[in-house]
Amino acid sequence: MEYTQGEWKARKLLVDKHGIINVEAWEITTPEYDVATYISHSAPIRREADANLIAASKDLYEALKVAIAIIEVEHIVVPIKCRNAITKAEGG
């Protein structure tokens, strides 16, 4: 699976929407460039939580892959939720 390398970080910013008002947004960035900009009209707490989750997604994906590999070596059944999460992350 290919994805943008580097540490992902969430950064709060204000966006000038149609020259009328500033809208709170979150930008997901790496040292090289922006991965995504997340703008939502949901509650500010959810915007920040969602942005932080998106920023952590690459690390979570890699950690889950390692955990699954360890579980398989021990011949333990991998929970279907884990397999489904990897499938979803890989576009399946």
PDB file of N, CA and C in Angstrom:
ATOM      1  N   MET A   1       0.838  -1.177   0.000  1.00  0.00           N
ATOM      2  CA  MET A   1       0.000   0.000   0.000  1.00  0.00           C
ATOM      3  C   MET A   1       0.881   1.238   0.000  1.00  0.00           C
ATOM      4  N   GLU A   2       0.536   2.179  -0.836  1.00  0.00           N
ATOM      5  CA  GLU A   2       1.266   3.442  -0.876  1.00  0.00           C
ATOM      6  C   GLU A   2       0.460   4.533  -0.206  1.00  0.00           C
ATOM      7  N   TYR A   3       1.132   5.348   0.545  1.00  0.00           N
ATOM      8  CA  TYR A   3       0.523   6.524   1.154  1.00  0.00           C
ATOM      9  C   TYR A   3       1.623   7.538   1.373  1.00  0.00           C
ATOM     10  N   THR A   4       1.242   8.744   1.698  1.00  0.00           N
ATOM     11  CA  THR A   4       2.199   9.820   1.894  1.00  0.00           C
ATOM     12  C   THR A   4       3.077   9.518   3.102  1.00  0.00           C
ATOM     13  N   GLN A   5       4.383   9.511   2.888  1.00  0.00           N
ATOM     14  CA  GLN A   5       5.334   9.210   3.958  1.00  0.00           C
ATOM     15  C   GLN A   5       5.526  10.422   4.867  1.00  0.00           C
ATOM     16  N   GLY A   6       6.233  10.206   5.942  1.00  0.00           N
ATOM     17  CA  GLY A   6       6.523  11.279   6.888  1.00  0.00           C
ATOM     18  C   GLY A   6       5.502  11.316   8.002  1.00  0.00           C
ATOM     19  N   GLU A   7       5.827  12.008   9.052  1.00  0.00           N
ATOM     20  CA  GLU A   7       4.898  12.150  10.165  1.00  0.00           C
ATOM     21  C   GLU A   7       3.755  13.071   9.759  1.00  0.00           C
ATOM     22  N   TRP A   8       2.528  12.608   9.986  1.00  0.00           N
ATOM     23  CA  TRP A   8       1.357  13.421   9.686  1.00  0.00           C
ATOM     24  C   TRP A   8       0.995  14.221  10.927  1.00  0.00           C
ATOM     25  N   LYS A   9       0.646  15.493  10.747  1.00  0.00           N
ATOM     26  CA  LYS A   9       0.250  16.347  11.864  1.00  0.00           C
ATOM     27  C   LYS A   9      -1.023  17.099  11.513  1.00  0.00           C
ATOM     28  N   ALA A  10      -1.845  17.355  12.537  1.00  0.00           N
ATOM     29  CA  ALA A  10      -3.053  18.158  12.362  1.00  0.00           C
ATOM     30  C   ALA A  10      -2.737  19.582  12.798  1.00  0.00           C
ATOM     31  N   ARG A  11      -3.170  20.546  11.973  1.00  0.00           N
ATOM     32  CA  ARG A  11      -2.904  21.957  12.265  1.00  0.00           C
ATOM     33  C   ARG A  11      -4.193  22.744  12.044  1.00  0.00           C
ATOM     34  N   LYS A  12      -4.572  23.522  13.050  1.00  0.00           N
ATOM     35  CA  LYS A  12      -5.781  24.334  12.966  1.00  0.00           C
ATOM     36  C   LYS A  12      -5.494  25.595  12.148  1.00  0.00           C
ATOM     37  N   LEU A  13      -6.444  25.978  11.293  1.00  0.00           N
ATOM     38  CA  LEU A  13      -6.309  27.212  10.533  1.00  0.00           C
ATOM     39  C   LEU A  13      -7.677  27.811  10.292  1.00  0.00           C
ATOM     40  N   LEU A  14      -7.706  29.048   9.857  1.00  0.00           N
ATOM     41  CA  LEU A  14      -8.963  29.710   9.504  1.00  0.00           C
ATOM     42  C   LEU A  14      -8.993  29.924   8.005  1.00  0.00           C
ATOM     43  N   VAL A  15     -10.113  29.616   7.395  1.00  0.00           N
ATOM     44  CA  VAL A  15     -10.272  29.737   5.957  1.00  0.00           C
ATOM     45  C   VAL A  15     -11.244  30.878   5.667  1.00  0.00           C
ATOM     46  N   ASP A  16     -10.881  31.740   4.736  1.00  0.00           N
ATOM     47  CA  ASP A  16     -11.757  32.828   4.313  1.00  0.00           C
ATOM     48  C   ASP A  16     -12.730  32.242   3.292  1.00  0.00           C
ATOM     49  N   LYS A  17     -13.968  32.060   3.710  1.00  0.00           N
ATOM     50  CA  LYS A  17     -14.959  31.412   2.851  1.00  0.00           C
ATOM     51  C   LYS A  17     -15.766  32.477   2.127  1.00  0.00           C
ATOM     52  N   HIS A  18     -15.568  32.592   0.845  1.00  0.00           N
ATOM     53  CA  HIS A  18     -16.294  33.527  -0.013  1.00  0.00           C
ATOM     54  C   HIS A  18     -16.109  34.982   0.417  1.00  0.00           C
ATOM     55  N   GLY A  19     -15.007  35.293   1.084  1.00  0.00           N
ATOM     56  CA  GLY A  19     -14.722  36.656   1.501  1.00  0.00           C
ATOM     57  C   GLY A  19     -15.680  37.204   2.543  1.00  0.00           C
ATOM     58  N   ILE A  20     -16.464  36.320   3.175  1.00  0.00           N
ATOM     59  CA  ILE A  20     -17.483  36.796   4.107  1.00  0.00           C
ATOM     60  C   ILE A  20     -17.082  36.517   5.561  1.00  0.00           C
ATOM     61  N   ILE A  21     -16.859  35.252   5.881  1.00  0.00           N
ATOM     62  CA  ILE A  21     -16.532  34.887   7.264  1.00  0.00           C
ATOM     63  C   ILE A  21     -15.359  33.926   7.288  1.00  0.00           C
ATOM     64  N   ASN A  22     -14.746  33.847   8.436  1.00  0.00           N
ATOM     65  CA  ASN A  22     -13.685  32.856   8.616  1.00  0.00           C
ATOM     66  C   ASN A  22     -14.298  31.563   9.140  1.00  0.00           C
ATOM     67  N   VAL A  23     -13.902  30.457   8.553  1.00  0.00           N
ATOM     68  CA  VAL A  23     -14.383  29.149   8.948  1.00  0.00           C
ATOM     69  C   VAL A  23     -13.196  28.371   9.497  1.00  0.00           C
ATOM     70  N   GLU A  24     -13.397  27.743  10.653  1.00  0.00           N
ATOM     71  CA  GLU A  24     -12.329  26.926  11.223  1.00  0.00           C
ATOM     72  C   GLU A  24     -12.127  25.689  10.359  1.00  0.00           C
ATOM     73  N   ALA A  25     -10.883  25.366  10.106  1.00  0.00           N
ATOM     74  CA  ALA A  25     -10.547  24.177   9.325  1.00  0.00           C
ATOM     75  C   ALA A  25      -9.333  23.514   9.947  1.00  0.00           C
ATOM     76  N   TRP A  26      -9.101  22.303   9.542  1.00  0.00           N
ATOM     77  CA  TRP A  26      -7.924  21.564   9.997  1.00  0.00           C
ATOM     78  C   TRP A  26      -7.175  21.070   8.779  1.00  0.00           C
ATOM     79  N   GLU A  27      -5.888  21.200   8.822  1.00  0.00           N
ATOM     80  CA  GLU A  27      -5.029  20.776   7.724  1.00  0.00           C
ATOM     81  C   GLU A  27      -4.173  19.617   8.217  1.00  0.00           C
ATOM     82  N   ILE A  28      -4.104  18.559   7.438  1.00  0.00           N
ATOM     83  CA  ILE A  28      -3.253  17.418   7.762  1.00  0.00           C
ATOM     84  C   ILE A  28      -2.016  17.569   6.886  1.00  0.00           C
ATOM     85  N   THR A  29      -0.845  17.674   7.514  1.00  0.00           N
ATOM     86  CA  THR A  29       0.375  17.955   6.770  1.00  0.00           C
ATOM     87  C   THR A  29       1.487  16.966   7.100  1.00  0.00           C
ATOM     88  N   THR A  30       2.458  16.906   6.207  1.00  0.00           N
ATOM     89  CA  THR A  30       3.720  16.207   6.437  1.00  0.00           C
ATOM     90  C   THR A  30       4.815  17.252   6.282  1.00  0.00           C
ATOM     91  N   PRO A  31       6.060  16.908   6.569  1.00  0.00           N
ATOM     92  CA  PRO A  31       7.119  17.879   6.333  1.00  0.00           C
ATOM     93  C   PRO A  31       7.217  18.312   4.869  1.00  0.00           C
ATOM     94  N   GLU A  32       6.767  17.471   3.945  1.00  0.00           N
ATOM     95  CA  GLU A  32       6.882  17.780   2.523  1.00  0.00           C
ATOM     96  C   GLU A  32       5.715  18.601   1.978  1.00  0.00           C
ATOM     97  N   TYR A  33       4.472  18.219   2.323  1.00  0.00           N
ATOM     98  CA  TYR A  33       3.312  18.921   1.768  1.00  0.00           C
ATOM     99  C   TYR A  33       2.034  18.563   2.515  1.00  0.00           C
ATOM    100  N   ASP A  34       0.939  19.213   2.120  1.00  0.00           N
ATOM    101  CA  ASP A  34      -0.360  18.969   2.738  1.00  0.00           C
ATOM    102  C   ASP A  34      -0.945  17.651   2.249  1.00  0.00           C
ATOM    103  N   VAL A  35      -1.456  16.868   3.180  1.00  0.00           N
ATOM    104  CA  VAL A  35      -2.137  15.620   2.834  1.00  0.00           C
ATOM    105  C   VAL A  35      -3.601  15.913   2.551  1.00  0.00           C
ATOM    106  N   ALA A  36      -4.222  16.722   3.419  1.00  0.00           N
ATOM    107  CA  ALA A  36      -5.646  17.029   3.261  1.00  0.00           C
ATOM    108  C   ALA A  36      -5.996  18.277   4.054  1.00  0.00           C
ATOM    109  N   THR A  37      -7.080  18.920   3.658  1.00  0.00           N
ATOM    110  CA  THR A  37      -7.659  19.992   4.444  1.00  0.00           C
ATOM    111  C   THR A  37      -9.072  19.564   4.790  1.00  0.00           C
ATOM    112  N   TYR A  38      -9.388  19.636   6.042  1.00  0.00           N
ATOM    113  CA  TYR A  38     -10.656  19.143   6.562  1.00  0.00           C
ATOM    114  C   TYR A  38     -11.474  20.338   7.052  1.00  0.00           C
ATOM    115  N   ILE A  39     -12.581  20.617   6.393  1.00  0.00           N
ATOM    116  CA  ILE A  39     -13.466  21.710   6.781  1.00  0.00           C
ATOM    117  C   ILE A  39     -14.826  21.102   7.089  1.00  0.00           C
ATOM    118  N   SER A  40     -15.361  21.453   8.238  1.00  0.00           N
ATOM    119  CA  SER A  40     -16.638  20.877   8.634  1.00  0.00           C
ATOM    120  C   SER A  40     -17.449  21.903   9.407  1.00  0.00           C
ATOM    121  N   HIS A  41     -18.743  21.727   9.391  1.00  0.00           N
ATOM    122  CA  HIS A  41     -19.623  22.595  10.160  1.00  0.00           C
ATOM    123  C   HIS A  41     -20.067  21.907  11.447  1.00  0.00           C
ATOM    124  N   SER A  42     -19.398  20.805  11.787  1.00  0.00           N
ATOM    125  CA  SER A  42     -19.739  20.119  13.034  1.00  0.00           C
ATOM    126  C   SER A  42     -19.149  20.883  14.217  1.00  0.00           C
ATOM    127  N   ALA A  43     -19.412  20.398  15.400  1.00  0.00           N
ATOM    128  CA  ALA A  43     -18.932  21.053  16.617  1.00  0.00           C
ATOM    129  C   ALA A  43     -17.410  21.127  16.621  1.00  0.00           C
ATOM    130  N   PRO A  44     -16.837  22.221  17.145  1.00  0.00           N
ATOM    131  CA  PRO A  44     -15.373  22.376  17.151  1.00  0.00           C
ATOM    132  C   PRO A  44     -14.627  21.209  17.776  1.00  0.00           C
ATOM    133  N   ILE A  45     -15.184  20.612  18.823  1.00  0.00           N
ATOM    134  CA  ILE A  45     -14.509  19.486  19.471  1.00  0.00           C
ATOM    135  C   ILE A  45     -14.398  18.313  18.501  1.00  0.00           C
ATOM    136  N   ARG A  46     -15.444  18.052  17.740  1.00  0.00           N
ATOM    137  CA  ARG A  46     -15.398  16.954  16.774  1.00  0.00           C
ATOM    138  C   ARG A  46     -14.439  17.254  15.643  1.00  0.00           C
ATOM    139  N   ARG A  47     -14.388  18.483  15.182  1.00  0.00           N
ATOM    140  CA  ARG A  47     -13.451  18.835  14.107  1.00  0.00           C
ATOM    141  C   ARG A  47     -12.029  18.519  14.535  1.00  0.00           C
ATOM    142  N   GLU A  48     -11.661  18.938  15.736  1.00  0.00           N
ATOM    143  CA  GLU A  48     -10.302  18.692  16.222  1.00  0.00           C
ATOM    144  C   GLU A  48     -10.055  17.196  16.400  1.00  0.00           C
ATOM    145  N   ALA A  49     -11.013  16.492  16.991  1.00  0.00           N
ATOM    146  CA  ALA A  49     -10.861  15.049  17.201  1.00  0.00           C
ATOM    147  C   ALA A  49     -10.738  14.316  15.874  1.00  0.00           C
ATOM    148  N   ASP A  50     -11.567  14.688  14.893  1.00  0.00           N
ATOM    149  CA  ASP A  50     -11.495  14.052  13.576  1.00  0.00           C
ATOM    150  C   ASP A  50     -10.152  14.332  12.906  1.00  0.00           C
ATOM    151  N   ALA A  51      -9.693  15.576  12.986  1.00  0.00           N
ATOM    152  CA  ALA A  51      -8.407  15.934  12.370  1.00  0.00           C
ATOM    153  C   ALA A  51      -7.264  15.154  13.008  1.00  0.00           C
ATOM    154  N   ASN A  52      -7.284  15.017  14.332  1.00  0.00           N
ATOM    155  CA  ASN A  52      -6.230  14.261  15.009  1.00  0.00           C
ATOM    156  C   ASN A  52      -6.271  12.784  14.632  1.00  0.00           C
ATOM    157  N   LEU A  53      -7.480  12.235  14.478  1.00  0.00           N
ATOM    158  CA  LEU A  53      -7.609  10.839  14.067  1.00  0.00           C
ATOM    159  C   LEU A  53      -7.075  10.635  12.653  1.00  0.00           C
ATOM    160  N   ILE A  54      -7.394  11.557  11.756  1.00  0.00           N
ATOM    161  CA  ILE A  54      -6.884  11.472  10.386  1.00  0.00           C
ATOM    162  C   ILE A  54      -5.359  11.549  10.397  1.00  0.00           C
ATOM    163  N   ALA A  55      -4.814  12.456  11.188  1.00  0.00           N
ATOM    164  CA  ALA A  55      -3.359  12.606  11.261  1.00  0.00           C
ATOM    165  C   ALA A  55      -2.689  11.350  11.810  1.00  0.00           C
ATOM    166  N   ALA A  56      -3.372  10.632  12.688  1.00  0.00           N
ATOM    167  CA  ALA A  56      -2.818   9.417  13.280  1.00  0.00           C
ATOM    168  C   ALA A  56      -3.053   8.174  12.419  1.00  0.00           C
ATOM    169  N   SER A  57      -3.854   8.283  11.365  1.00  0.00           N
ATOM    170  CA  SER A  57      -4.283   7.094  10.613  1.00  0.00           C
ATOM    171  C   SER A  57      -3.129   6.285  10.029  1.00  0.00           C
ATOM    172  N   LYS A  58      -2.098   6.927   9.523  1.00  0.00           N
ATOM    173  CA  LYS A  58      -0.955   6.200   8.964  1.00  0.00           C
ATOM    174  C   LYS A  58      -0.276   5.369  10.046  1.00  0.00           C
ATOM    175  N   ASP A  59      -0.070   5.965  11.214  1.00  0.00           N
ATOM    176  CA  ASP A  59       0.558   5.247  12.324  1.00  0.00           C
ATOM    177  C   ASP A  59      -0.326   4.109  12.819  1.00  0.00           C
ATOM    178  N   LEU A  60      -1.636   4.347  12.889  1.00  0.00           N
ATOM    179  CA  LEU A  60      -2.564   3.303  13.315  1.00  0.00           C
ATOM    180  C   LEU A  60      -2.563   2.134  12.334  1.00  0.00           C
ATOM    181  N   TYR A  61      -2.547   2.431  11.047  1.00  0.00           N
ATOM    182  CA  TYR A  61      -2.506   1.394  10.007  1.00  0.00           C
ATOM    183  C   TYR A  61      -1.257   0.531  10.170  1.00  0.00           C
ATOM    184  N   GLU A  62      -0.100   1.191  10.291  1.00  0.00           N
ATOM    185  CA  GLU A  62       1.160   0.450  10.426  1.00  0.00           C
ATOM    186  C   GLU A  62       1.183  -0.380  11.705  1.00  0.00           C
ATOM    187  N   ALA A  63       0.691   0.175  12.814  1.00  0.00           N
ATOM    188  CA  ALA A  63       0.667  -0.549  14.081  1.00  0.00           C
ATOM    189  C   ALA A  63      -0.258  -1.769  14.006  1.00  0.00           C
ATOM    190  N   LEU A  64      -1.403  -1.614  13.353  1.00  0.00           N
ATOM    191  CA  LEU A  64      -2.327  -2.733  13.227  1.00  0.00           C
ATOM    192  C   LEU A  64      -1.740  -3.839  12.360  1.00  0.00           C
ATOM    193  N   LYS A  65      -1.027  -3.474  11.296  1.00  0.00           N
ATOM    194  CA  LYS A  65      -0.374  -4.484  10.455  1.00  0.00           C
ATOM    195  C   LYS A  65       0.643  -5.286  11.283  1.00  0.00           C
ATOM    196  N   VAL A  66       1.419  -4.609  12.109  1.00  0.00           N
ATOM    197  CA  VAL A  66       2.405  -5.287  12.969  1.00  0.00           C
ATOM    198  C   VAL A  66       1.695  -6.190  13.967  1.00  0.00           C
ATOM    199  N   ALA A  67       0.637  -5.688  14.597  1.00  0.00           N
ATOM    200  CA  ALA A  67      -0.107  -6.484  15.578  1.00  0.00           C
ATOM    201  C   ALA A  67      -0.689  -7.743  14.937  1.00  0.00           C
ATOM    202  N   ILE A  68      -1.242  -7.609  13.742  1.00  0.00           N
ATOM    203  CA  ILE A  68      -1.792  -8.775  13.039  1.00  0.00           C
ATOM    204  C   ILE A  68      -0.693  -9.790  12.739  1.00  0.00           C
ATOM    205  N   ALA A  69       0.462  -9.319  12.304  1.00  0.00           N
ATOM    206  CA  ALA A  69       1.576 -10.227  12.010  1.00  0.00           C
ATOM    207  C   ALA A  69       1.998 -10.999  13.264  1.00  0.00           C
ATOM    208  N   ILE A  70       2.063 -10.312  14.398  1.00  0.00           N
ATOM    209  CA  ILE A  70       2.435 -10.976  15.660  1.00  0.00           C
ATOM    210  C   ILE A  70       1.379 -11.995  16.056  1.00  0.00           C
ATOM    211  N   ILE A  71       0.111 -11.628  15.935  1.00  0.00           N
ATOM    212  CA  ILE A  71      -0.979 -12.547  16.276  1.00  0.00           C
ATOM    213  C   ILE A  71      -0.915 -13.794  15.398  1.00  0.00           C
ATOM    214  N   GLU A  72      -0.660 -13.606  14.107  1.00  0.00           N
ATOM    215  CA  GLU A  72      -0.602 -14.751  13.184  1.00  0.00           C
ATOM    216  C   GLU A  72       0.566 -15.673  13.507  1.00  0.00           C
ATOM    217  N   VAL A  73       1.698 -15.119  13.910  1.00  0.00           N
ATOM    218  CA  VAL A  73       2.857 -15.945  14.284  1.00  0.00           C
ATOM    219  C   VAL A  73       2.514 -16.822  15.486  1.00  0.00           C
ATOM    220  N   GLU A  74       1.705 -16.299  16.382  1.00  0.00           N
ATOM    221  CA  GLU A  74       1.299 -17.046  17.577  1.00  0.00           C
ATOM    222  C   GLU A  74       0.131 -17.999  17.297  1.00  0.00           C
ATOM    223  N   HIS A  75      -0.313 -18.041  16.028  1.00  0.00           N
ATOM    224  CA  HIS A  75      -1.417 -18.917  15.604  1.00  0.00           C
ATOM    225  C   HIS A  75      -2.708 -18.630  16.378  1.00  0.00           C
ATOM    226  N   ILE A  76      -2.944 -17.364  16.591  1.00  0.00           N
ATOM    227  CA  ILE A  76      -4.176 -16.920  17.237  1.00  0.00           C
ATOM    228  C   ILE A  76      -5.073 -16.329  16.144  1.00  0.00           C
ATOM    229  N   VAL A  77      -6.367 -16.520  16.276  1.00  0.00           N
ATOM    230  CA  VAL A  77      -7.301 -15.997  15.285  1.00  0.00           C
ATOM    231  C   VAL A  77      -7.324 -14.472  15.376  1.00  0.00           C
ATOM    232  N   VAL A  78      -7.105 -13.830  14.235  1.00  0.00           N
ATOM    233  CA  VAL A  78      -7.124 -12.369  14.169  1.00  0.00           C
ATOM    234  C   VAL A  78      -8.582 -11.903  14.167  1.00  0.00           C
ATOM    235  N   PRO A  79      -8.937 -10.985  15.059  1.00  0.00           N
ATOM    236  CA  PRO A  79     -10.320 -10.491  15.074  1.00  0.00           C
ATOM    237  C   PRO A  79     -10.733  -9.928  13.715  1.00  0.00           C
ATOM    238  N   ILE A  80     -11.949 -10.235  13.309  1.00  0.00           N
ATOM    239  CA  ILE A  80     -12.459  -9.792  12.008  1.00  0.00           C
ATOM    240  C   ILE A  80     -12.450  -8.269  11.903  1.00  0.00           C
ATOM    241  N   LYS A  81     -12.655  -7.571  13.019  1.00  0.00           N
ATOM    242  CA  LYS A  81     -12.613  -6.107  13.001  1.00  0.00           C
ATOM    243  C   LYS A  81     -11.246  -5.607  12.537  1.00  0.00           C
ATOM    244  N   CYS A  82     -10.198  -6.299  12.950  1.00  0.00           N
ATOM    245  CA  CYS A  82      -8.837  -5.914  12.534  1.00  0.00           C
ATOM    246  C   CYS A  82      -8.671  -6.123  11.037  1.00  0.00           C
ATOM    247  N   ARG A  83      -9.086  -7.279  10.550  1.00  0.00           N
ATOM    248  CA  ARG A  83      -8.969  -7.560   9.115  1.00  0.00           C
ATOM    249  C   ARG A  83      -9.824  -6.586   8.297  1.00  0.00           C
ATOM    250  N   ASN A  84     -11.031  -6.293   8.770  1.00  0.00           N
ATOM    251  CA  ASN A  84     -11.912  -5.361   8.054  1.00  0.00           C
ATOM    252  C   ASN A  84     -11.323  -3.952   8.008  1.00  0.00           C
ATOM    253  N   ALA A  85     -10.686  -3.538   9.088  1.00  0.00           N
ATOM    254  CA  ALA A  85     -10.070  -2.203   9.129  1.00  0.00           C
ATOM    255  C   ALA A  85      -8.931  -2.100   8.114  1.00  0.00           C
ATOM    256  N   ILE A  86      -8.117  -3.138   8.012  1.00  0.00           N
ATOM    257  CA  ILE A  86      -7.019  -3.136   7.033  1.00  0.00           C
ATOM    258  C   ILE A  86      -7.583  -3.138   5.623  1.00  0.00           C
ATOM    259  N   THR A  87      -8.597  -3.954   5.377  1.00  0.00           N
ATOM    260  CA  THR A  87      -9.218  -4.007   4.052  1.00  0.00           C
ATOM    261  C   THR A  87      -9.771  -2.633   3.665  1.00  0.00           C
ATOM    262  N   LYS A  88     -10.436  -1.984   4.600  1.00  0.00           N
ATOM    263  CA  LYS A  88     -10.991  -0.653   4.336  1.00  0.00           C
ATOM    264  C   LYS A  88      -9.883   0.363   4.058  1.00  0.00           C
ATOM    265  N   ALA A  89      -8.824   0.320   4.835  1.00  0.00           N
ATOM    266  CA  ALA A  89      -7.705   1.244   4.642  1.00  0.00           C
ATOM    267  C   ALA A  89      -7.028   1.044   3.287  1.00  0.00           C
ATOM    268  N   GLU A  90      -7.070  -0.188   2.795  1.00  0.00           N
ATOM    269  CA  GLU A  90      -6.426  -0.502   1.516  1.00  0.00           C
ATOM    270  C   GLU A  90      -7.382  -0.364   0.338  1.00  0.00           C
ATOM    271  N   GLY A  91      -8.559   0.191   0.604  1.00  0.00           N
ATOM    272  CA  GLY A  91      -9.492   0.496  -0.481  1.00  0.00           C
ATOM    273  C   GLY A  91     -10.427  -0.628  -0.853  1.00  0.00           C
ATOM    274  N   GLY A  92     -10.483  -1.662  -0.047  1.00  0.00           N
ATOM    275  CA  GLY A  92     -11.347  -2.801  -0.357  1.00  0.00           C
ATOM    276  C   GLY A  92     -12.662  -2.763   0.323  1.00  0.00           C
TER     277      GLY A  92
END
